[in-house]
Amino acid sequence: QTTAHLIRGHVHIRPDERLKDELDRDEPFLAITNASILNADGQEAYHANFLAVRRNQIVWAMPEETEKDGESK
């Protein structure tokens, strides 16, 4: 979630690190692949194979659990 949009996609995390470690990096942008930007109704407004999000605009982040096996993506 940014200050203006909900984004779903894949954040690639380095081996042996956590999502928090990736979010805390001292780099201006966070890379997201297979990104969907959702509107206020939860419908996909835009889709991009690659999206760079300015880290200082991120409000919160959480892994999405798969319905199939309860594991986090």
PDB file of N, CA and C in Angstrom:
ATOM      1  N   GLN A   1       0.861  -1.173   0.000  1.00  0.00           N
ATOM      2  CA  GLN A   1       0.000   0.000   0.000  1.00  0.00           C
ATOM      3  C   GLN A   1       0.899   1.225   0.000  1.00  0.00           C
ATOM      4  N   THR A   2       0.649   2.112  -0.957  1.00  0.00           N
ATOM      5  CA  THR A   2       1.362   3.389  -0.953  1.00  0.00           C
ATOM      6  C   THR A   2       0.418   4.446  -0.376  1.00  0.00           C
ATOM      7  N   THR A   3       0.847   5.664  -0.377  1.00  0.00           N
ATOM      8  CA  THR A   3      -0.011   6.734   0.127  1.00  0.00           C
ATOM      9  C   THR A   3      -1.241   6.926  -0.747  1.00  0.00           C
ATOM     10  N   ALA A   4      -1.196   6.422  -1.999  1.00  0.00           N
ATOM     11  CA  ALA A   4      -2.325   6.633  -2.910  1.00  0.00           C
ATOM     12  C   ALA A   4      -2.906   5.369  -3.535  1.00  0.00           C
ATOM     13  N   HIS A   5      -2.164   4.251  -3.564  1.00  0.00           N
ATOM     14  CA  HIS A   5      -2.613   3.067  -4.296  1.00  0.00           C
ATOM     15  C   HIS A   5      -2.322   1.764  -3.557  1.00  0.00           C
ATOM     16  N   LEU A   6      -3.148   0.771  -3.845  1.00  0.00           N
ATOM     17  CA  LEU A   6      -2.874  -0.598  -3.407  1.00  0.00           C
ATOM     18  C   LEU A   6      -2.234  -1.302  -4.585  1.00  0.00           C
ATOM     19  N   ILE A   7      -1.085  -1.920  -4.350  1.00  0.00           N
ATOM     20  CA  ILE A   7      -0.336  -2.595  -5.401  1.00  0.00           C
ATOM     21  C   ILE A   7      -0.149  -4.049  -4.999  1.00  0.00           C
ATOM     22  N   ARG A   8      -0.427  -4.948  -5.921  1.00  0.00           N
ATOM     23  CA  ARG A   8      -0.158  -6.370  -5.721  1.00  0.00           C
ATOM     24  C   ARG A   8       0.883  -6.790  -6.733  1.00  0.00           C
ATOM     25  N   GLY A   9       1.848  -7.579  -6.291  1.00  0.00           N
ATOM     26  CA  GLY A   9       2.876  -8.057  -7.207  1.00  0.00           C
ATOM     27  C   GLY A   9       3.920  -8.842  -6.455  1.00  0.00           C
ATOM     28  N   HIS A  10       5.010  -9.115  -7.130  1.00  0.00           N
ATOM     29  CA  HIS A  10       6.087  -9.904  -6.550  1.00  0.00           C
ATOM     30  C   HIS A  10       7.265  -9.010  -6.190  1.00  0.00           C
ATOM     31  N   VAL A  11       7.638  -9.041  -4.919  1.00  0.00           N
ATOM     32  CA  VAL A  11       8.847  -8.378  -4.446  1.00  0.00           C
ATOM     33  C   VAL A  11       9.883  -9.476  -4.292  1.00  0.00           C
ATOM     34  N   HIS A  12      11.008  -9.315  -4.939  1.00  0.00           N
ATOM     35  CA  HIS A  12      12.043 -10.341  -4.911  1.00  0.00           C
ATOM     36  C   HIS A  12      12.986 -10.061  -3.754  1.00  0.00           C
ATOM     37  N   ILE A  13      13.106 -11.040  -2.869  1.00  0.00           N
ATOM     38  CA  ILE A  13      13.893 -10.897  -1.642  1.00  0.00           C
ATOM     39  C   ILE A  13      15.171 -11.706  -1.783  1.00  0.00           C
ATOM     40  N   ARG A  14      16.278 -11.122  -1.361  1.00  0.00           N
ATOM     41  CA  ARG A  14      17.565 -11.815  -1.426  1.00  0.00           C
ATOM     42  C   ARG A  14      17.548 -13.056  -0.531  1.00  0.00           C
ATOM     43  N   PRO A  15      18.315 -14.083  -0.902  1.00  0.00           N
ATOM     44  CA  PRO A  15      18.346 -15.312  -0.076  1.00  0.00           C
ATOM     45  C   PRO A  15      18.706 -15.000   1.376  1.00  0.00           C
ATOM     46  N   ASP A  16      18.081 -15.705   2.283  1.00  0.00           N
ATOM     47  CA  ASP A  16      18.313 -15.581   3.732  1.00  0.00           C
ATOM     48  C   ASP A  16      17.918 -14.219   4.296  1.00  0.00           C
ATOM     49  N   GLU A  17      17.036 -13.495   3.611  1.00  0.00           N
ATOM     50  CA  GLU A  17      16.549 -12.224   4.135  1.00  0.00           C
ATOM     51  C   GLU A  17      15.033 -12.250   4.206  1.00  0.00           C
ATOM     52  N   ARG A  18      14.477 -11.229   4.868  1.00  0.00           N
ATOM     53  CA  ARG A  18      13.029 -11.116   5.070  1.00  0.00           C
ATOM     54  C   ARG A  18      12.485  -9.950   4.249  1.00  0.00           C
ATOM     55  N   LEU A  19      11.172  -9.893   4.130  1.00  0.00           N
ATOM     56  CA  LEU A  19      10.533  -8.771   3.454  1.00  0.00           C
ATOM     57  C   LEU A  19      10.937  -7.461   4.124  1.00  0.00           C
ATOM     58  N   LYS A  20      10.966  -7.444   5.437  1.00  0.00           N
ATOM     59  CA  LYS A  20      11.362  -6.231   6.173  1.00  0.00           C
ATOM     60  C   LYS A  20      12.771  -5.782   5.794  1.00  0.00           C
ATOM     61  N   ASP A  21      13.683  -6.733   5.632  1.00  0.00           N
ATOM     62  CA  ASP A  21      15.053  -6.386   5.232  1.00  0.00           C
ATOM     63  C   ASP A  21      15.057  -5.699   3.865  1.00  0.00           C
ATOM     64  N   GLU A  22      14.253  -6.211   2.945  1.00  0.00           N
ATOM     65  CA  GLU A  22      14.178  -5.622   1.604  1.00  0.00           C
ATOM     66  C   GLU A  22      13.569  -4.215   1.666  1.00  0.00           C
ATOM     67  N   LEU A  23      12.544  -4.040   2.467  1.00  0.00           N
ATOM     68  CA  LEU A  23      11.907  -2.726   2.599  1.00  0.00           C
ATOM     69  C   LEU A  23      12.821  -1.698   3.261  1.00  0.00           C
ATOM     70  N   ASP A  24      13.709  -2.160   4.145  1.00  0.00           N
ATOM     71  CA  ASP A  24      14.598  -1.259   4.881  1.00  0.00           C
ATOM     72  C   ASP A  24      15.872  -0.880   4.132  1.00  0.00           C
ATOM     73  N   ARG A  25      16.078  -1.390   2.936  1.00  0.00           N
ATOM     74  CA  ARG A  25      17.295  -1.082   2.174  1.00  0.00           C
ATOM     75  C   ARG A  25      17.394   0.418   1.896  1.00  0.00           C
ATOM     76  N   ASP A  26      18.631   0.887   1.824  1.00  0.00           N
ATOM     77  CA  ASP A  26      18.897   2.302   1.569  1.00  0.00           C
ATOM     78  C   ASP A  26      18.986   2.553   0.059  1.00  0.00           C
ATOM     79  N   GLU A  27      17.889   2.282  -0.634  1.00  0.00           N
ATOM     80  CA  GLU A  27      17.779   2.508  -2.072  1.00  0.00           C
ATOM     81  C   GLU A  27      16.459   3.248  -2.289  1.00  0.00           C
ATOM     82  N   PRO A  28      16.397   4.166  -3.236  1.00  0.00           N
ATOM     83  CA  PRO A  28      15.175   4.970  -3.381  1.00  0.00           C
ATOM     84  C   PRO A  28      13.951   4.212  -3.896  1.00  0.00           C
ATOM     85  N   PHE A  29      14.162   3.126  -4.647  1.00  0.00           N
ATOM     86  CA  PHE A  29      13.027   2.421  -5.251  1.00  0.00           C
ATOM     87  C   PHE A  29      13.012   0.941  -4.887  1.00  0.00           C
ATOM     88  N   LEU A  30      11.810   0.392  -4.816  1.00  0.00           N
ATOM     89  CA  LEU A  30      11.593  -1.034  -4.605  1.00  0.00           C
ATOM     90  C   LEU A  30      11.040  -1.594  -5.916  1.00  0.00           C
ATOM     91  N   ALA A  31      11.667  -2.642  -6.433  1.00  0.00           N
ATOM     92  CA  ALA A  31      11.222  -3.259  -7.682  1.00  0.00           C
ATOM     93  C   ALA A  31      10.094  -4.250  -7.403  1.00  0.00           C
ATOM     94  N   ILE A  32       9.049  -4.169  -8.204  1.00  0.00           N
ATOM     95  CA  ILE A  32       7.920  -5.100  -8.114  1.00  0.00           C
ATOM     96  C   ILE A  32       7.659  -5.627  -9.515  1.00  0.00           C
ATOM     97  N   THR A  33       7.559  -6.943  -9.650  1.00  0.00           N
ATOM     98  CA  THR A  33       7.241  -7.540 -10.944  1.00  0.00           C
ATOM     99  C   THR A  33       5.819  -8.079 -10.919  1.00  0.00           C
ATOM    100  N   ASN A  34       5.252  -8.250 -12.112  1.00  0.00           N
ATOM    101  CA  ASN A  34       3.873  -8.718 -12.259  1.00  0.00           C
ATOM    102  C   ASN A  34       2.936  -7.881 -11.371  1.00  0.00           C
ATOM    103  N   ALA A  35       3.059  -6.572 -11.499  1.00  0.00           N
ATOM    104  CA  ALA A  35       2.372  -5.627 -10.615  1.00  0.00           C
ATOM    105  C   ALA A  35       0.981  -5.253 -11.110  1.00  0.00           C
ATOM    106  N   SER A  36       0.034  -5.277 -10.194  1.00  0.00           N
ATOM    107  CA  SER A  36      -1.320  -4.789 -10.452  1.00  0.00           C
ATOM    108  C   SER A  36      -1.585  -3.621  -9.515  1.00  0.00           C
ATOM    109  N   ILE A  37      -2.041  -2.514 -10.088  1.00  0.00           N
ATOM    110  CA  ILE A  37      -2.416  -1.354  -9.295  1.00  0.00           C
ATOM    111  C   ILE A  37      -3.934  -1.357  -9.240  1.00  0.00           C
ATOM    112  N   LEU A  38      -4.464  -1.424  -8.024  1.00  0.00           N
ATOM    113  CA  LEU A  38      -5.900  -1.562  -7.837  1.00  0.00           C
ATOM    114  C   LEU A  38      -6.560  -0.217  -7.552  1.00  0.00           C
ATOM    115  N   ASN A  39      -7.790  -0.052  -8.035  1.00  0.00           N
ATOM    116  CA  ASN A  39      -8.537   1.168  -7.752  1.00  0.00           C
ATOM    117  C   ASN A  39      -9.245   1.032  -6.398  1.00  0.00           C
ATOM    118  N   ALA A  40     -10.023   2.025  -6.039  1.00  0.00           N
ATOM    119  CA  ALA A  40     -10.699   2.039  -4.731  1.00  0.00           C
ATOM    120  C   ALA A  40     -11.683   0.887  -4.556  1.00  0.00           C
ATOM    121  N   ASP A  41     -12.182   0.329  -5.674  1.00  0.00           N
ATOM    122  CA  ASP A  41     -13.120  -0.797  -5.612  1.00  0.00           C
ATOM    123  C   ASP A  41     -12.415  -2.146  -5.590  1.00  0.00           C
ATOM    124  N   GLY A  42     -11.079  -2.137  -5.601  1.00  0.00           N
ATOM    125  CA  GLY A  42     -10.329  -3.382  -5.593  1.00  0.00           C
ATOM    126  C   GLY A  42     -10.168  -4.011  -6.963  1.00  0.00           C
ATOM    127  N   GLN A  43     -10.563  -3.288  -8.008  1.00  0.00           N
ATOM    128  CA  GLN A  43     -10.433  -3.777  -9.378  1.00  0.00           C
ATOM    129  C   GLN A  43      -9.104  -3.305  -9.964  1.00  0.00           C
ATOM    130  N   GLU A  44      -8.513  -4.129 -10.835  1.00  0.00           N
ATOM    131  CA  GLU A  44      -7.239  -3.769 -11.443  1.00  0.00           C
ATOM    132  C   GLU A  44      -7.416  -2.582 -12.389  1.00  0.00           C
ATOM    133  N   ALA A  45      -6.707  -1.500 -12.098  1.00  0.00           N
ATOM    134  CA  ALA A  45      -6.750  -0.312 -12.940  1.00  0.00           C
ATOM    135  C   ALA A  45      -5.602  -0.325 -13.954  1.00  0.00           C
ATOM    136  N   TYR A  46      -4.450  -0.861 -13.548  1.00  0.00           N
ATOM    137  CA  TYR A  46      -3.268  -0.941 -14.400  1.00  0.00           C
ATOM    138  C   TYR A  46      -2.526  -2.232 -14.096  1.00  0.00           C
ATOM    139  N   HIS A  47      -1.786  -2.712 -15.078  1.00  0.00           N
ATOM    140  CA  HIS A  47      -0.919  -3.873 -14.878  1.00  0.00           C
ATOM    141  C   HIS A  47       0.416  -3.575 -15.553  1.00  0.00           C
ATOM    142  N   ALA A  48       1.498  -3.983 -14.911  1.00  0.00           N
ATOM    143  CA  ALA A  48       2.828  -3.797 -15.485  1.00  0.00           C
ATOM    144  C   ALA A  48       3.681  -5.009 -15.154  1.00  0.00           C
ATOM    145  N   ASN A  49       4.515  -5.413 -16.096  1.00  0.00           N
ATOM    146  CA  ASN A  49       5.451  -6.501 -15.827  1.00  0.00           C
ATOM    147  C   ASN A  49       6.512  -6.071 -14.822  1.00  0.00           C
ATOM    148  N   PHE A  50       6.833  -4.769 -14.811  1.00  0.00           N
ATOM    149  CA  PHE A  50       7.813  -4.218 -13.877  1.00  0.00           C
ATOM    150  C   PHE A  50       7.332  -2.859 -13.403  1.00  0.00           C
ATOM    151  N   LEU A  51       7.480  -2.622 -12.097  1.00  0.00           N
ATOM    152  CA  LEU A  51       7.102  -1.346 -11.503  1.00  0.00           C
ATOM    153  C   LEU A  51       8.145  -0.984 -10.452  1.00  0.00           C
ATOM    154  N   ALA A  52       8.622   0.241 -10.466  1.00  0.00           N
ATOM    155  CA  ALA A  52       9.538   0.745  -9.449  1.00  0.00           C
ATOM    156  C   ALA A  52       8.748   1.689  -8.553  1.00  0.00           C
ATOM    157  N   VAL A  53       8.668   1.365  -7.273  1.00  0.00           N
ATOM    158  CA  VAL A  53       7.898   2.158  -6.312  1.00  0.00           C
ATOM    159  C   VAL A  53       8.868   2.885  -5.386  1.00  0.00           C
ATOM    160  N   ARG A  54       8.669   4.168  -5.221  1.00  0.00           N
ATOM    161  CA  ARG A  54       9.516   4.941  -4.305  1.00  0.00           C
ATOM    162  C   ARG A  54       9.251   4.457  -2.879  1.00  0.00           C
ATOM    163  N   ARG A  55      10.302   4.024  -2.223  1.00  0.00           N
ATOM    164  CA  ARG A  55      10.178   3.426  -0.882  1.00  0.00           C
ATOM    165  C   ARG A  55       9.526   4.355   0.134  1.00  0.00           C
ATOM    166  N   ASN A  56       9.795   5.667   0.034  1.00  0.00           N
ATOM    167  CA  ASN A  56       9.230   6.575   1.032  1.00  0.00           C
ATOM    168  C   ASN A  56       7.726   6.779   0.859  1.00  0.00           C
ATOM    169  N   GLN A  57       7.127   6.197  -0.192  1.00  0.00           N
ATOM    170  CA  GLN A  57       5.686   6.271  -0.402  1.00  0.00           C
ATOM    171  C   GLN A  57       4.955   5.026   0.112  1.00  0.00           C
ATOM    172  N   ILE A  58       5.720   4.012   0.553  1.00  0.00           N
ATOM    173  CA  ILE A  58       5.106   2.770   1.030  1.00  0.00           C
ATOM    174  C   ILE A  58       4.609   2.968   2.455  1.00  0.00           C
ATOM    175  N   VAL A  59       3.332   2.652   2.678  1.00  0.00           N
ATOM    176  CA  VAL A  59       2.707   2.797   3.986  1.00  0.00           C
ATOM    177  C   VAL A  59       2.748   1.476   4.742  1.00  0.00           C
ATOM    178  N   TRP A  60       2.390   0.387   4.068  1.00  0.00           N
ATOM    179  CA  TRP A  60       2.451  -0.941   4.678  1.00  0.00           C
ATOM    180  C   TRP A  60       2.601  -1.989   3.586  1.00  0.00           C
ATOM    181  N   ALA A  61       3.067  -3.174   4.001  1.00  0.00           N
ATOM    182  CA  ALA A  61       3.239  -4.292   3.072  1.00  0.00           C
ATOM    183  C   ALA A  61       3.018  -5.589   3.828  1.00  0.00           C
ATOM    184  N   MET A  62       2.464  -6.567   3.123  1.00  0.00           N
ATOM    185  CA  MET A  62       2.289  -7.888   3.739  1.00  0.00           C
ATOM    186  C   MET A  62       2.259  -8.945   2.652  1.00  0.00           C
ATOM    187  N   PRO A  63       2.735 -10.143   2.997  1.00  0.00           N
ATOM    188  CA  PRO A  63       2.662 -11.235   2.016  1.00  0.00           C
ATOM    189  C   PRO A  63       1.224 -11.698   1.865  1.00  0.00           C
ATOM    190  N   GLU A  64       0.895 -12.157   0.684  1.00  0.00           N
ATOM    191  CA  GLU A  64      -0.438 -12.673   0.422  1.00  0.00           C
ATOM    192  C   GLU A  64      -0.388 -14.199   0.574  1.00  0.00           C
ATOM    193  N   GLU A  65      -1.349 -14.756   1.298  1.00  0.00           N
ATOM    194  CA  GLU A  65      -1.395 -16.196   1.462  1.00  0.00           C
ATOM    195  C   GLU A  65      -2.161 -16.825   0.316  1.00  0.00           C
ATOM    196  N   THR A  66      -1.650 -17.971  -0.135  1.00  0.00           N
ATOM    197  CA  THR A  66      -2.338 -18.689  -1.203  1.00  0.00           C
ATOM    198  C   THR A  66      -3.500 -19.460  -0.593  1.00  0.00           C
ATOM    199  N   GLU A  67      -4.571 -19.569  -1.325  1.00  0.00           N
ATOM    200  CA  GLU A  67      -5.739 -20.317  -0.837  1.00  0.00           C
ATOM    201  C   GLU A  67      -5.464 -21.818  -0.852  1.00  0.00           C
ATOM    202  N   LYS A  68      -4.593 -22.228  -1.749  1.00  0.00           N
ATOM    203  CA  LYS A  68      -4.321 -23.639  -1.961  1.00  0.00           C
ATOM    204  C   LYS A  68      -3.699 -24.324  -0.745  1.00  0.00           C
ATOM    205  N   ASP A  69      -2.672 -23.689  -0.183  1.00  0.00           N
ATOM    206  CA  ASP A  69      -1.965 -24.369   0.893  1.00  0.00           C
ATOM    207  C   ASP A  69      -1.677 -23.518   2.112  1.00  0.00           C
ATOM    208  N   GLY A  70      -2.181 -22.301   2.159  1.00  0.00           N
ATOM    209  CA  GLY A  70      -1.978 -21.451   3.323  1.00  0.00           C
ATOM    210  C   GLY A  70      -0.580 -20.858   3.416  1.00  0.00           C
ATOM    211  N   GLU A  71       0.261 -21.077   2.397  1.00  0.00           N
ATOM    212  CA  GLU A  71       1.603 -20.530   2.422  1.00  0.00           C
ATOM    213  C   GLU A  71       1.598 -19.110   1.891  1.00  0.00           C
ATOM    214  N   SER A  72       2.593 -18.328   2.323  1.00  0.00           N
ATOM    215  CA  SER A  72       2.736 -16.965   1.832  1.00  0.00           C
ATOM    216  C   SER A  72       3.424 -16.970   0.499  1.00  0.00           C
ATOM    217  N   LYS A  73       3.010 -16.043  -0.368  1.00  0.00           N
ATOM    218  CA  LYS A  73       3.676 -15.858  -1.665  1.00  0.00           C
ATOM    219  C   LYS A  73       4.840 -14.916  -1.484  1.00  0.00           C
TER     220      LYS A  73
END
